[in-house]
Amino acid sequence: MAEPDGTAADGPEGTNGGPLQAMTVDVEDYYHVAAFADDIAREDWTKWPSRVEANTERMLDVLDGAGARATFFVLGWVAERHPSLVPRIVARGHEVGCHGYSHRLIYAQSPDEFRAETRRAKAVLEDQGGAPVAGYRAATFSIVKRTLWALDVLAEEGFLYDSSIFPVMHDRYGIPGAPRAPHRMTTEKGATIVEFPITVLNLLGMNLPLAGGGYFRLFPYGLTRWGLRRVAAGGRSFVFYCHPWEVDPDQPRVRTRWLSRFRHYNNLDRCEDRLRRLLGDFRFGTAREVLAGRGLLSA
């Protein structure tokens, strides 16, 4: 299915002497997360106060303060309701990618439904951003073994790279044996697309997820930094991900199951400070910049 995990030449050099790494932001509101799907119906989304615009601006300010660029994978639903957001992201020097339209898990959609949603989201993002959208990230990393067909749809719709495959075992996502390094892969129908898998560290034969989200808030910061340095030292570019709602400890609380509460709300009050530390410890750019530096895409 894909090229083996390896240690290609380093990408562009950062100011700390290490390779440029990819910072990514999945632009969705707090009530969009899959963990709340049983608690907040899609038709009720508009009844909840939106905080995505202000929180994305907060993320942009944090990145500006560190002199970092990022790829913002924007939900089409958000872009339609906040039409000035994508132009502001582009104006501040960042890449816009597609996070689908309605945050539906791919394995809850038919191929035709997925194509229609993806095409709708890509069109609105390109119209607002004034440039082709090259990258895609699935809601909740829901490109798994049974939905690898989605990569063919992405290639047919003009995407150059995907960043959805998480090489871990999880109840909602993951392909544990997938390659860990960015690579060019051949789809089930013979198309070609670049995959930038979510970063893990192979430790004692197991893949440790440490590339962002709830893991970034759960693990001590020192463990995250140590693990990412190990990945970079091995010659492998890493991709970090976060969400605008993760820097918003004052967001409305949703009544939900204890596990969903823990995953969503754990250490929200510490996330922004940790993110600032991360931006100071590594040099970050867009996913496309990093893939171009490794010869997998054009700049």
Protein backbone atom coordinates (compact mmCIF):
# COMPACT_ATOMS: atom_id res chain seq x y z
CA MET A 1 0.00 0.00 0.00
CA ALA A 2 2.76 2.42 0.81
CA GLU A 3 6.48 2.91 0.88
CA PRO A 4 8.15 1.55 4.05
CA ASP A 5 8.93 3.75 7.01
CA GLY A 6 12.36 5.26 6.56
CA THR A 7 14.68 8.17 7.19
CA ALA A 8 14.67 10.41 4.19
CA ALA A 9 16.88 13.45 4.08
CA ASP A 10 16.00 16.25 6.48
CA GLY A 11 13.67 18.98 5.31
CA PRO A 12 14.29 22.73 5.53
CA GLU A 13 16.39 23.73 8.51
CA GLY A 14 14.86 25.61 11.43
CA THR A 15 16.58 28.29 13.47
CA ASN A 16 17.51 25.71 16.12
CA GLY A 17 19.45 23.67 13.54
CA GLY A 18 16.82 20.95 13.31
CA PRO A 19 14.42 20.21 10.47
CA LEU A 20 11.26 22.22 10.01
CA GLN A 21 8.26 20.44 11.50
CA ALA A 22 4.57 20.70 10.62
CA MET A 23 2.14 22.55 12.86
CA THR A 24 -1.52 21.89 12.07
CA VAL A 25 -4.78 23.22 13.50
CA ASP A 26 -8.10 21.43 12.99
CA VAL A 27 -10.57 24.32 12.86
CA GLU A 28 -13.82 23.16 14.45
CA ASP A 29 -15.94 24.34 17.36
CA TYR A 30 -16.17 22.58 20.71
CA TYR A 31 -19.61 21.14 19.94
CA HIS A 32 -18.40 19.51 16.71
CA VAL A 33 -16.21 16.87 18.37
CA ALA A 34 -17.16 13.23 17.85
CA ALA A 35 -17.15 12.64 21.61
CA PHE A 36 -20.24 14.86 21.92
CA ALA A 37 -22.12 13.38 18.95
CA ASP A 38 -24.54 11.52 21.24
CA ASP A 39 -25.13 14.62 23.35
CA ILE A 40 -25.51 17.40 20.75
CA ALA A 41 -27.53 16.71 17.61
CA ARG A 42 -26.26 18.29 14.38
CA GLU A 43 -29.50 20.19 13.98
CA ASP A 44 -28.83 21.79 17.39
CA TRP A 45 -25.31 23.04 16.61
CA THR A 46 -26.55 26.57 15.94
CA LYS A 47 -28.18 26.68 19.39
CA TRP A 48 -24.77 26.58 21.07
CA PRO A 49 -22.66 29.76 21.31
CA SER A 50 -19.91 29.65 18.71
CA ARG A 51 -16.39 30.29 19.93
CA VAL A 52 -14.39 29.05 16.94
CA GLU A 53 -13.70 32.45 15.40
CA ALA A 54 -12.29 34.05 18.57
CA ASN A 55 -10.34 30.90 19.45
CA THR A 56 -8.82 30.66 15.97
CA GLU A 57 -7.74 34.30 16.25
CA ARG A 58 -6.13 33.38 19.56
CA MET A 59 -4.25 30.55 17.86
CA LEU A 60 -3.12 32.92 15.10
CA ASP A 61 -1.76 35.34 17.69
CA VAL A 62 0.16 32.55 19.43
CA LEU A 63 1.70 31.46 16.13
CA ASP A 64 2.57 35.06 15.21
CA GLY A 65 4.30 35.50 18.54
CA ALA A 66 6.54 32.53 17.77
CA GLY A 67 7.12 33.42 14.12
CA ALA A 68 5.58 30.08 13.12
CA ARG A 69 3.42 29.08 10.17
CA ALA A 70 0.81 26.33 10.22
CA THR A 71 -1.71 24.44 8.15
CA PHE A 72 -5.29 25.13 9.23
CA PHE A 73 -7.58 22.23 8.29
CA VAL A 74 -10.88 24.07 8.24
CA LEU A 75 -14.32 22.51 8.51
CA GLY A 76 -16.51 23.58 5.59
CA TRP A 77 -19.46 24.11 7.94
CA VAL A 78 -17.36 26.63 9.90
CA ALA A 79 -16.13 28.40 6.78
CA GLU A 80 -19.67 28.92 5.49
CA ARG A 81 -20.82 30.43 8.77
CA HIS A 82 -17.70 32.54 9.37
CA PRO A 83 -16.77 33.66 5.83
CA SER A 84 -14.05 36.09 6.94
CA LEU A 85 -12.10 33.43 8.86
CA VAL A 86 -10.34 31.65 5.97
CA PRO A 87 -9.23 34.95 4.34
CA ARG A 88 -7.76 36.04 7.68
CA ILE A 89 -5.85 32.77 8.03
CA VAL A 90 -4.43 33.18 4.51
CA ALA A 91 -3.60 36.86 5.08
CA ARG A 92 -1.47 35.92 8.06
CA GLY A 93 0.66 33.57 5.97
CA HIS A 94 -0.74 30.15 6.73
CA GLU A 95 -1.88 27.23 4.57
CA VAL A 96 -5.55 26.26 4.43
CA GLY A 97 -6.44 22.58 4.25
CA CYS A 98 -9.78 20.76 4.26
CA HIS A 99 -11.27 19.10 7.35
CA GLY A 100 -14.36 17.88 5.51
CA TYR A 101 -17.70 19.61 5.67
CA SER A 102 -19.80 18.43 8.61
CA HIS A 103 -17.31 16.53 10.82
CA ARG A 104 -19.02 13.23 10.02
CA LEU A 105 -16.80 10.20 10.50
CA ILE A 106 -15.89 8.72 7.13
CA TYR A 107 -16.95 5.22 8.17
CA ALA A 108 -20.44 6.64 8.82
CA GLN A 109 -20.71 7.80 5.19
CA SER A 110 -21.06 6.10 1.83
CA PRO A 111 -18.44 6.91 -0.81
CA ASP A 112 -20.95 9.13 -2.63
CA GLU A 113 -21.80 11.02 0.55
CA PHE A 114 -18.14 11.47 1.36
CA ARG A 115 -17.37 12.77 -2.12
CA ALA A 116 -20.25 15.26 -2.00
CA GLU A 117 -19.28 16.58 1.42
CA THR A 118 -15.60 16.81 0.52
CA ARG A 119 -16.29 18.54 -2.78
CA ARG A 120 -18.57 21.08 -1.07
CA ALA A 121 -16.00 21.87 1.62
CA LYS A 122 -13.10 22.14 -0.83
CA ALA A 123 -15.07 24.51 -3.05
CA VAL A 124 -15.96 26.93 -0.27
CA LEU A 125 -12.41 26.93 1.11
CA GLU A 126 -10.87 27.60 -2.30
CA ASP A 127 -13.38 30.34 -3.02
CA GLN A 128 -12.71 32.08 0.28
CA GLY A 129 -8.96 31.51 0.31
CA GLY A 130 -8.36 32.29 -3.36
CA ALA A 131 -6.04 29.30 -3.88
CA PRO A 132 -6.24 25.53 -4.47
CA VAL A 133 -6.53 23.39 -1.34
CA ALA A 134 -3.91 20.64 -1.41
CA GLY A 135 -4.31 18.91 1.95
CA TYR A 136 -7.03 16.99 3.74
CA ARG A 137 -7.57 15.70 7.28
CA ALA A 138 -10.52 13.49 8.17
CA ALA A 139 -12.74 14.15 11.16
CA THR A 140 -11.37 12.18 14.12
CA PHE A 141 -8.71 10.61 11.85
CA SER A 142 -11.42 8.32 10.45
CA ILE A 143 -9.42 6.99 7.51
CA VAL A 144 -8.98 3.47 8.84
CA LYS A 145 -8.51 0.13 7.09
CA ARG A 146 -12.14 -0.14 6.04
CA THR A 147 -12.21 3.43 4.69
CA LEU A 148 -8.99 3.46 2.66
CA TRP A 149 -11.29 3.94 -0.34
CA ALA A 150 -11.52 7.58 0.79
CA LEU A 151 -7.97 8.16 -0.43
CA ASP A 152 -9.10 7.42 -3.99
CA VAL A 153 -11.87 10.00 -3.63
CA LEU A 154 -9.37 12.55 -2.33
CA ALA A 155 -6.99 11.93 -5.22
CA GLU A 156 -9.84 12.18 -7.73
CA GLU A 157 -10.98 15.47 -6.17
CA GLY A 158 -7.53 17.00 -6.61
CA PHE A 159 -5.97 16.69 -3.17
CA LEU A 160 -2.20 16.22 -3.17
CA TYR A 161 -1.76 14.97 0.38
CA ASP A 162 -3.69 13.53 3.30
CA SER A 163 -2.90 13.71 7.01
CA SER A 164 -5.50 11.41 8.54
CA ILE A 165 -3.89 8.04 9.21
CA PHE A 166 -2.92 7.53 12.85
CA PRO A 167 -0.63 4.48 13.37
CA VAL A 168 -2.14 3.56 16.75
CA MET A 169 -4.80 1.35 18.27
CA HIS A 170 -7.80 3.41 19.40
CA ASP A 171 -11.54 2.90 19.80
CA ARG A 172 -12.39 5.56 17.19
CA TYR A 173 -9.46 5.55 14.75
CA GLY A 174 -6.07 4.14 13.86
CA ILE A 175 -4.17 1.76 11.59
CA PRO A 176 -1.54 0.34 13.99
CA GLY A 177 0.75 -1.11 11.31
CA ALA A 178 0.75 1.91 9.01
CA PRO A 179 4.07 3.55 8.08
CA ARG A 180 5.15 6.23 10.53
CA ALA A 181 7.08 8.53 8.16
CA PRO A 182 5.65 10.86 5.51
CA HIS A 183 5.49 8.91 2.26
CA ARG A 184 4.00 8.70 -1.20
CA MET A 185 1.46 5.90 -1.41
CA THR A 186 -0.58 4.07 -4.03
CA THR A 187 -4.31 3.87 -3.39
CA GLU A 188 -6.55 0.85 -3.88
CA LYS A 189 -7.43 2.06 -7.40
CA GLY A 190 -3.84 2.85 -8.34
CA ALA A 191 -3.84 6.61 -7.75
CA THR A 192 -0.97 8.38 -5.99
CA ILE A 193 -1.27 10.59 -2.93
CA VAL A 194 1.17 11.69 -0.23
CA GLU A 195 0.36 10.63 3.33
CA PHE A 196 1.62 12.62 6.32
CA PRO A 197 0.64 10.25 9.14
CA ILE A 198 -0.03 11.55 12.63
CA THR A 199 3.23 11.25 14.52
CA VAL A 200 3.93 8.44 16.93
CA LEU A 201 7.11 7.26 18.66
CA ASN A 202 7.89 3.56 18.47
CA LEU A 203 8.87 2.66 22.02
CA LEU A 204 9.52 -0.92 23.10
CA GLY A 205 7.66 -2.16 20.05
CA MET A 206 4.59 0.00 20.65
CA ASN A 207 3.53 3.23 18.96
CA LEU A 208 3.19 6.03 21.51
CA PRO A 209 0.89 8.85 20.33
CA LEU A 210 2.42 12.20 21.23
CA ALA A 211 1.59 14.54 18.36
CA GLY A 212 -1.06 16.71 19.96
CA GLY A 213 -4.69 16.90 20.96
CA GLY A 214 -5.70 15.11 24.14
CA TYR A 215 -2.32 13.38 24.34
CA PHE A 216 -0.58 16.77 24.50
CA ARG A 217 -2.83 17.78 27.39
CA LEU A 218 -2.62 14.42 29.17
CA PHE A 219 1.12 13.68 29.03
CA PRO A 220 3.64 15.84 30.92
CA TYR A 221 5.15 18.41 28.56
CA GLY A 222 8.63 17.00 29.10
CA LEU A 223 7.53 13.61 27.76
CA THR A 224 6.08 15.20 24.61
CA ARG A 225 9.23 17.23 23.98
CA TRP A 226 11.49 14.24 24.59
CA GLY A 227 9.47 12.04 22.26
CA LEU A 228 9.31 14.57 19.45
CA ARG A 229 13.04 15.18 19.74
CA ARG A 230 13.59 11.43 19.41
CA VAL A 231 11.47 11.40 16.25
CA ALA A 232 13.34 14.38 14.77
CA ALA A 233 16.73 12.95 15.72
CA GLY A 234 15.87 9.83 13.74
CA GLY A 235 15.46 11.95 10.60
CA ARG A 236 11.66 11.77 10.50
CA SER A 237 9.58 14.93 10.16
CA PHE A 238 6.70 15.11 12.62
CA VAL A 239 3.26 16.67 12.41
CA PHE A 240 1.65 18.24 15.47
CA TYR A 241 -2.08 18.90 15.70
CA CYS A 242 -4.34 20.96 17.94
CA HIS A 243 -7.79 22.58 17.91
CA PRO A 244 -8.88 26.14 18.63
CA TRP A 245 -11.17 24.95 21.46
CA GLU A 246 -8.13 23.52 23.26
CA VAL A 247 -6.95 27.01 24.23
CA ASP A 248 -10.39 27.92 25.59
CA PRO A 249 -10.85 26.71 29.18
CA ASP A 250 -13.96 28.91 29.54
CA GLN A 251 -16.00 27.14 26.85
CA PRO A 252 -19.48 25.90 27.81
CA ARG A 253 -19.51 22.50 29.49
CA VAL A 254 -21.40 19.69 27.80
CA ARG A 255 -23.09 17.05 29.93
CA THR A 256 -21.64 13.80 28.63
CA ARG A 257 -20.02 10.53 29.68
CA TRP A 258 -17.04 10.62 32.02
CA LEU A 259 -14.55 9.38 29.40
CA SER A 260 -15.65 12.04 26.91
CA ARG A 261 -15.44 14.69 29.64
CA PHE A 262 -11.92 13.58 30.51
CA ARG A 263 -10.71 13.50 26.92
CA HIS A 264 -12.16 16.90 26.07
CA TYR A 265 -11.65 19.00 29.19
CA ASN A 266 -8.44 17.60 30.65
CA ASN A 267 -5.85 20.39 31.14
CA LEU A 268 -7.51 22.94 28.86
CA ASP A 269 -6.19 25.61 31.21
CA ARG A 270 -2.59 24.49 30.53
CA CYS A 271 -2.73 23.93 26.78
CA GLU A 272 -1.88 27.44 25.56
CA ASP A 273 1.19 27.71 27.78
CA ARG A 274 2.36 24.26 26.66
CA LEU A 275 1.80 25.24 23.03
CA ARG A 276 3.94 28.35 23.49
CA ARG A 277 6.70 26.19 24.96
CA LEU A 278 6.48 23.77 22.05
CA LEU A 279 6.72 26.61 19.53
CA GLY A 280 9.87 27.77 21.31
CA ASP A 281 11.45 24.31 21.36
CA PHE A 282 10.92 23.44 17.68
CA ARG A 283 10.70 25.29 14.37
CA PHE A 284 7.31 24.94 12.71
CA GLY A 285 5.93 25.54 9.23
CA THR A 286 3.04 24.28 7.14
CA ALA A 287 2.50 20.63 6.26
CA ARG A 288 3.06 21.44 2.61
CA GLU A 289 6.39 23.15 3.35
CA VAL A 290 7.61 20.12 5.27
CA LEU A 291 6.51 17.67 2.56
CA ALA A 292 8.13 19.86 -0.10
CA GLY A 293 11.36 19.86 1.88
CA ARG A 294 11.37 16.09 1.78
CA GLY A 295 10.80 16.04 -1.98
CA LEU A 296 7.29 14.61 -1.67
CA LEU A 297 5.48 17.72 -2.98
CA SER A 298 6.33 20.87 -4.86
CA ALA A 299 6.57 24.01 -2.73
